[in-house]
């Protein structure tokens, strides 16, 4: 049923009256309505994330000039969906590898 226009008897003005639905109570109650934001927990997670970022940065440094291992690390970061944290460094590494001008005829780098 759609909203209807009804004349108010006391002052003669018309009002829009919408039908009221009588839904049964939710099975979930108000569990998803209430939300609390624990800043201590968020700060704890932020510190842990920064530590993990530094650990990944350290992994890049230990890879050295080993192109295959570094490319595998970049691929893993991309697949995990966290490469956006390291976009600048990944771009720098890819440009560095491109500019090395190695002999790519070697079978080790063959696709």
Protein backbone atom coordinates (compact mmCIF):
# COMPACT_ATOMS: atom_id res chain seq x y z
CA UNK A 1 0.00 0.00 0.00
CA UNK A 2 1.36 3.41 -0.93
CA UNK A 3 1.34 6.59 1.12
CA UNK A 4 -1.98 8.44 1.11
CA UNK A 5 -2.92 12.07 1.55
CA UNK A 6 -5.35 12.53 4.46
CA UNK A 7 -7.04 15.73 5.64
CA UNK A 8 -6.37 16.59 9.26
CA UNK A 9 -9.67 17.27 11.06
CA UNK A 10 -8.35 19.82 13.55
CA UNK A 11 -6.79 22.41 11.25
CA UNK A 12 -7.96 21.35 7.79
CA UNK A 13 -4.44 20.71 6.44
CA UNK A 14 -3.57 17.59 4.50
CA UNK A 15 -0.95 15.17 5.80
CA UNK A 16 0.88 12.31 4.17
CA UNK A 17 0.22 9.08 6.01
CA UNK A 18 2.45 6.09 5.35
CA UNK A 19 1.31 2.60 6.27
CA UNK A 20 3.19 1.06 9.17
CA UNK A 21 4.64 -2.40 8.69
CA UNK A 22 4.41 -4.82 11.55
CA UNK A 23 7.61 -6.84 11.19
CA UNK A 24 8.51 -9.57 13.62
CA UNK A 25 11.55 -8.94 15.86
CA UNK A 26 14.93 -9.73 14.34
CA UNK A 27 16.54 -13.04 15.17
CA UNK A 28 19.80 -11.18 15.78
CA UNK A 29 18.37 -8.68 18.21
CA UNK A 30 20.44 -5.51 18.46
CA UNK A 31 23.76 -7.30 18.15
CA UNK A 32 24.77 -5.48 14.96
CA UNK A 33 23.32 -2.11 15.93
CA UNK A 34 25.72 -1.58 18.81
CA UNK A 35 29.30 -0.69 17.92
CA UNK A 36 32.18 0.15 20.18
CA UNK A 37 35.51 1.46 18.94
CA UNK A 38 38.45 0.33 21.07
CA UNK A 39 41.26 2.80 20.34
CA UNK A 40 43.80 0.79 22.34
CA UNK A 41 43.18 -2.25 20.16
CA UNK A 42 43.48 -0.17 16.98
CA UNK A 43 46.78 1.31 18.18
CA UNK A 44 48.05 -2.18 19.04
CA UNK A 45 47.19 -3.42 15.54
CA UNK A 46 48.80 -0.34 13.95
CA UNK A 47 52.07 -1.00 15.81
CA UNK A 48 51.98 -4.65 14.80
CA UNK A 49 51.37 -3.71 11.16
CA UNK A 50 54.31 -1.30 11.18
CA UNK A 51 56.53 -4.03 12.61
CA UNK A 52 55.46 -6.43 9.87
CA UNK A 53 56.07 -3.77 7.20
CA UNK A 54 59.61 -3.29 8.52
CA UNK A 55 60.10 -7.05 8.47
CA UNK A 56 59.06 -7.19 4.80
CA UNK A 57 61.37 -4.27 4.02
CA UNK A 58 64.17 -6.28 5.62
CA UNK A 59 63.28 -9.26 3.43
CA UNK A 60 63.77 -7.08 0.37
CA UNK A 61 67.22 -6.02 1.54
CA UNK A 62 68.40 -9.59 2.06
CA UNK A 63 67.36 -10.51 -1.48
CA UNK A 64 70.23 -8.46 -2.89
CA UNK A 65 70.71 -8.74 -6.63
CA UNK A 66 68.98 -12.10 -6.96
CA UNK A 67 66.38 -11.14 -9.50
CA UNK A 68 64.32 -14.32 -9.39
CA UNK A 69 63.93 -14.32 -5.60
CA UNK A 70 63.10 -10.62 -5.53
CA UNK A 71 60.54 -11.02 -8.30
CA UNK A 72 58.97 -13.91 -6.37
CA UNK A 73 58.76 -11.70 -3.29
CA UNK A 74 57.11 -8.92 -5.33
CA UNK A 75 54.70 -11.46 -6.80
CA UNK A 76 53.82 -12.73 -3.32
CA UNK A 77 53.20 -9.19 -2.06
CA UNK A 78 50.94 -8.55 -5.06
CA UNK A 79 48.98 -11.76 -4.52
CA UNK A 80 48.52 -11.03 -0.82
CA UNK A 81 47.13 -7.62 -1.73
CA UNK A 82 49.62 -5.67 0.37
CA UNK A 83 51.90 -4.38 -2.37
CA UNK A 84 50.38 -0.90 -2.08
CA UNK A 85 52.43 -0.46 1.10
CA UNK A 86 55.62 -0.86 -0.95
CA UNK A 87 54.69 0.65 -4.33
CA UNK A 88 57.64 3.05 -4.49
CA UNK A 89 60.23 0.42 -3.58
CA UNK A 90 58.72 -2.16 -5.95
CA UNK A 91 58.78 0.36 -8.79
CA UNK A 92 62.39 1.20 -7.97
CA UNK A 93 63.41 -2.48 -7.96
CA UNK A 94 61.65 -3.20 -11.25
CA UNK A 95 63.31 -0.23 -12.92
CA UNK A 96 66.66 -1.34 -11.51
CA UNK A 97 66.23 -4.86 -12.89
CA UNK A 98 65.13 -3.51 -16.25
CA UNK A 99 68.17 -1.26 -16.47
CA UNK A 100 70.67 -3.98 -15.52
CA UNK A 101 70.91 -4.96 -19.19
CA UNK A 102 71.71 -8.58 -18.40
CA UNK A 103 72.05 -11.29 -20.96
CA UNK A 104 68.48 -12.57 -20.94
CA UNK A 105 69.31 -15.34 -23.37
CA UNK A 106 70.47 -17.39 -20.38
CA UNK A 107 68.16 -20.33 -19.62
CA UNK A 108 67.81 -19.29 -15.96
CA UNK A 109 65.67 -16.31 -17.03
CA UNK A 110 63.74 -18.11 -19.75
CA UNK A 111 59.98 -18.09 -19.34
